[in-house]
N, C-alpha and C. Protein backbone atom coordinates (compact mmCIF):
# COMPACT_ATOMS: atom_id res chain seq x y z
N UNK A 1 -0.07 -1.12 10.47
CA UNK A 1 0.12 -1.25 9.05
C UNK A 1 -0.21 -2.68 8.66
N UNK A 2 -1.40 -2.89 8.21
CA UNK A 2 -1.85 -4.23 7.87
C UNK A 2 -1.18 -4.78 6.62
N UNK A 3 -0.59 -3.92 5.80
CA UNK A 3 0.06 -4.38 4.58
C UNK A 3 1.23 -5.32 4.86
N UNK A 4 1.76 -5.27 6.07
CA UNK A 4 2.86 -6.17 6.42
C UNK A 4 2.43 -7.62 6.45
N UNK A 5 1.17 -7.88 6.77
CA UNK A 5 0.71 -9.25 6.91
C UNK A 5 -0.40 -9.63 5.92
N UNK A 6 -0.88 -8.69 5.15
CA UNK A 6 -1.96 -8.95 4.20
C UNK A 6 -1.44 -9.85 3.08
N UNK A 7 -2.03 -11.03 2.86
CA UNK A 7 -1.54 -11.94 1.83
C UNK A 7 -1.74 -11.42 0.41
N UNK A 8 -2.59 -10.40 0.21
CA UNK A 8 -2.77 -9.85 -1.13
C UNK A 8 -1.64 -8.91 -1.53
N UNK A 9 -0.84 -8.44 -0.56
CA UNK A 9 0.29 -7.56 -0.87
C UNK A 9 1.50 -8.42 -1.18
N UNK A 10 2.03 -8.28 -2.38
CA UNK A 10 3.18 -9.07 -2.85
C UNK A 10 4.37 -8.15 -3.07
N UNK A 11 5.54 -8.73 -3.15
CA UNK A 11 6.78 -8.00 -3.45
C UNK A 11 6.97 -6.80 -2.52
N UNK A 12 6.80 -7.02 -1.22
CA UNK A 12 6.97 -5.94 -0.24
C UNK A 12 8.43 -5.54 -0.13
N UNK A 13 8.66 -4.25 -0.01
CA UNK A 13 10.00 -3.75 0.28
C UNK A 13 9.88 -2.40 0.97
N UNK A 14 10.78 -2.16 1.90
CA UNK A 14 10.83 -0.87 2.57
C UNK A 14 11.85 0.00 1.88
N UNK A 15 11.53 1.28 1.74
CA UNK A 15 12.52 2.20 1.19
C UNK A 15 13.55 2.46 2.28
N UNK A 16 14.80 2.70 1.91
CA UNK A 16 15.84 2.93 2.92
C UNK A 16 15.53 4.16 3.78
N UNK A 17 15.91 4.09 5.03
CA UNK A 17 15.78 5.25 5.92
C UNK A 17 17.04 6.10 5.75
N UNK A 18 16.85 7.24 5.12
CA UNK A 18 17.96 8.15 4.88
C UNK A 18 17.41 9.56 4.71
N UNK A 19 18.26 10.53 4.93
CA UNK A 19 17.88 11.92 4.74
C UNK A 19 16.58 12.23 5.49
N UNK A 20 16.60 12.06 6.80
CA UNK A 20 15.39 12.24 7.60
C UNK A 20 15.54 13.43 8.54
N UNK A 21 14.43 13.89 9.05
CA UNK A 21 14.43 14.97 10.03
C UNK A 21 13.75 14.49 11.30
N UNK A 22 14.07 15.17 12.39
CA UNK A 22 13.50 14.86 13.69
C UNK A 22 12.58 16.02 14.07
N UNK A 23 11.36 15.69 14.46
CA UNK A 23 10.42 16.71 14.92
C UNK A 23 10.02 16.39 16.35
N UNK A 24 9.97 17.44 17.16
CA UNK A 24 9.64 17.28 18.57
C UNK A 24 8.22 17.75 18.84
N UNK A 25 7.51 17.02 19.70
CA UNK A 25 6.15 17.34 20.08
C UNK A 25 6.02 17.26 21.60
N UNK A 26 4.94 17.81 22.14
CA UNK A 26 4.62 17.74 23.58
C UNK A 26 5.80 18.21 24.43
N UNK A 27 6.28 19.40 24.09
CA UNK A 27 7.40 19.99 24.84
C UNK A 27 8.63 19.07 24.88
N UNK A 28 8.90 18.40 23.76
CA UNK A 28 10.08 17.55 23.65
C UNK A 28 9.92 16.16 24.23
N UNK A 29 8.72 15.80 24.65
CA UNK A 29 8.51 14.48 25.24
C UNK A 29 8.25 13.39 24.20
N UNK A 30 7.88 13.80 23.00
CA UNK A 30 7.63 12.86 21.90
C UNK A 30 8.45 13.32 20.71
N UNK A 31 9.09 12.36 20.05
CA UNK A 31 9.92 12.65 18.88
C UNK A 31 9.39 11.84 17.70
N UNK A 32 9.31 12.47 16.53
CA UNK A 32 8.90 11.76 15.32
C UNK A 32 10.03 11.84 14.30
N UNK A 33 10.22 10.77 13.56
CA UNK A 33 11.21 10.72 12.49
C UNK A 33 10.46 10.75 11.16
N UNK A 34 10.85 11.67 10.27
CA UNK A 34 10.22 11.81 8.96
C UNK A 34 11.31 11.87 7.90
N UNK A 35 11.10 11.20 6.77
CA UNK A 35 12.03 11.32 5.65
C UNK A 35 11.78 12.66 4.96
N UNK A 36 12.83 13.30 4.49
CA UNK A 36 12.69 14.62 3.87
C UNK A 36 12.02 14.57 2.50
N UNK A 37 11.84 13.36 1.94
CA UNK A 37 11.12 13.24 0.67
C UNK A 37 9.61 13.16 0.91
N UNK A 38 9.17 13.51 2.12
CA UNK A 38 7.76 13.53 2.54
C UNK A 38 7.17 12.15 2.74
N UNK A 39 7.97 11.10 2.70
CA UNK A 39 7.49 9.77 3.03
C UNK A 39 7.64 9.56 4.53
N UNK A 40 6.70 8.83 5.13
CA UNK A 40 6.92 8.46 6.53
C UNK A 40 8.19 7.63 6.64
N UNK A 41 8.74 7.56 7.82
CA UNK A 41 10.02 6.86 7.99
C UNK A 41 9.91 5.38 7.64
N UNK A 42 8.77 4.73 7.95
CA UNK A 42 8.53 3.35 7.53
C UNK A 42 7.67 3.41 6.27
N UNK A 43 8.31 3.38 5.12
CA UNK A 43 7.60 3.52 3.85
C UNK A 43 7.70 2.21 3.08
N UNK A 44 6.56 1.61 2.82
CA UNK A 44 6.48 0.30 2.19
C UNK A 44 6.00 0.42 0.75
N UNK A 45 6.65 -0.31 -0.14
CA UNK A 45 6.20 -0.41 -1.52
C UNK A 45 5.91 -1.88 -1.82
N UNK A 46 4.95 -2.12 -2.68
CA UNK A 46 4.62 -3.48 -3.05
C UNK A 46 3.58 -3.50 -4.14
N UNK A 47 2.98 -4.63 -4.31
CA UNK A 47 1.91 -4.81 -5.29
C UNK A 47 0.73 -5.48 -4.61
N UNK A 48 -0.47 -5.07 -4.98
CA UNK A 48 -1.68 -5.67 -4.42
C UNK A 48 -2.29 -6.56 -5.48
N UNK A 49 -2.43 -7.83 -5.16
CA UNK A 49 -3.03 -8.79 -6.07
C UNK A 49 -4.54 -8.56 -6.09
N UNK A 50 -5.11 -8.61 -7.26
CA UNK A 50 -6.55 -8.44 -7.40
C UNK A 50 -7.24 -9.75 -7.05
N UNK A 51 -8.47 -9.64 -6.59
CA UNK A 51 -9.23 -10.85 -6.27
C UNK A 51 -9.81 -11.48 -7.54
N UNK A 52 -9.75 -10.74 -8.66
CA UNK A 52 -10.26 -11.28 -9.93
C UNK A 52 -9.20 -12.17 -10.57
N UNK A 53 -9.61 -13.29 -11.06
CA UNK A 53 -8.70 -14.24 -11.72
C UNK A 53 -8.14 -13.61 -12.98
N UNK A 54 -6.84 -13.68 -13.17
CA UNK A 54 -6.19 -13.18 -14.37
C UNK A 54 -5.88 -11.69 -14.34
N UNK A 55 -6.26 -10.97 -13.29
CA UNK A 55 -5.98 -9.54 -13.19
C UNK A 55 -4.53 -9.33 -12.75
N UNK A 56 -3.94 -8.24 -13.22
CA UNK A 56 -2.57 -7.91 -12.84
C UNK A 56 -2.56 -7.22 -11.49
N UNK A 57 -1.46 -7.39 -10.77
CA UNK A 57 -1.29 -6.72 -9.48
C UNK A 57 -1.08 -5.22 -9.72
N UNK A 58 -1.55 -4.42 -8.78
CA UNK A 58 -1.42 -2.96 -8.88
C UNK A 58 -0.39 -2.47 -7.89
N UNK A 59 0.39 -1.42 -8.28
CA UNK A 59 1.38 -0.86 -7.35
C UNK A 59 0.71 -0.33 -6.08
N UNK A 60 1.43 -0.43 -4.98
CA UNK A 60 0.90 -0.06 -3.68
C UNK A 60 2.00 0.63 -2.89
N UNK A 61 1.69 1.73 -2.23
CA UNK A 61 2.62 2.41 -1.34
C UNK A 61 1.87 2.85 -0.08
N UNK A 62 2.52 2.72 1.05
CA UNK A 62 1.93 3.16 2.31
C UNK A 62 3.05 3.38 3.31
N UNK A 63 2.73 4.03 4.39
CA UNK A 63 3.76 4.24 5.39
C UNK A 63 3.22 4.77 6.69
N UNK A 64 4.07 4.72 7.69
CA UNK A 64 3.76 5.23 9.02
C UNK A 64 4.99 5.93 9.57
N UNK A 65 4.76 7.02 10.29
CA UNK A 65 5.89 7.64 10.98
C UNK A 65 6.26 6.81 12.20
N UNK A 66 7.40 7.07 12.75
CA UNK A 66 7.80 6.46 14.01
C UNK A 66 7.77 7.56 15.06
N UNK A 67 7.03 7.32 16.12
CA UNK A 67 7.00 8.23 17.26
C UNK A 67 7.72 7.55 18.41
N UNK A 68 8.63 8.26 19.03
CA UNK A 68 9.39 7.75 20.17
C UNK A 68 9.09 8.60 21.39
N UNK A 69 9.07 7.98 22.55
CA UNK A 69 8.88 8.73 23.79
C UNK A 69 9.69 8.09 24.90
N UNK A 70 9.92 8.84 25.93
CA UNK A 70 10.67 8.34 27.08
C UNK A 70 9.72 8.24 28.27
N UNK A 71 9.30 7.02 28.62
CA UNK A 71 8.41 6.87 29.78
C UNK A 71 9.12 7.27 31.08
N UNK A 72 8.33 7.67 32.05
CA UNK A 72 8.89 8.04 33.34
C UNK A 72 9.64 6.85 33.93
N UNK A 73 10.83 7.10 34.44
CA UNK A 73 11.70 6.10 35.07
C UNK A 73 12.22 5.05 34.08
N UNK A 74 12.13 5.31 32.77
CA UNK A 74 12.67 4.36 31.78
C UNK A 74 14.10 4.71 31.44
N UNK A 75 14.83 3.72 30.96
CA UNK A 75 16.23 3.94 30.59
C UNK A 75 16.41 4.20 29.11
N UNK A 76 15.37 3.96 28.32
CA UNK A 76 15.49 4.15 26.88
C UNK A 76 14.18 4.57 26.24
N UNK A 77 14.27 4.98 25.00
CA UNK A 77 13.10 5.40 24.24
C UNK A 77 12.23 4.21 23.89
N UNK A 78 10.93 4.45 23.80
CA UNK A 78 9.97 3.43 23.41
C UNK A 78 9.25 3.90 22.16
N UNK A 79 8.81 2.98 21.33
CA UNK A 79 8.01 3.31 20.15
C UNK A 79 6.57 3.43 20.59
N UNK A 80 5.94 4.53 20.15
CA UNK A 80 4.55 4.79 20.54
C UNK A 80 3.64 4.30 19.47
C-alpha cells in the first residue's frame, strides 16, 4: 500500500477494525480478515493533493486485506 508513504496523500486515517469476519483458505492454512462493511481490514482514508498549483485535494480511499498463515514449526501466525 504505497499510500502510507506517498507524500501526495494527506490527512491519512485508518477506519477502526470492527465487525469483521474470518475467512479460511487452503484447507485452513491461510486466514483472511474482512470487515463486514465490505472494506478490507486495513482501510485507509485520506486526501490526494493535486500536482497543479491551487487545486484542491481529492478524497481517497484504499485498503488491503490481512492474510495470516502458520509456517511449519512456527509458534505464531505470520502476515502474508
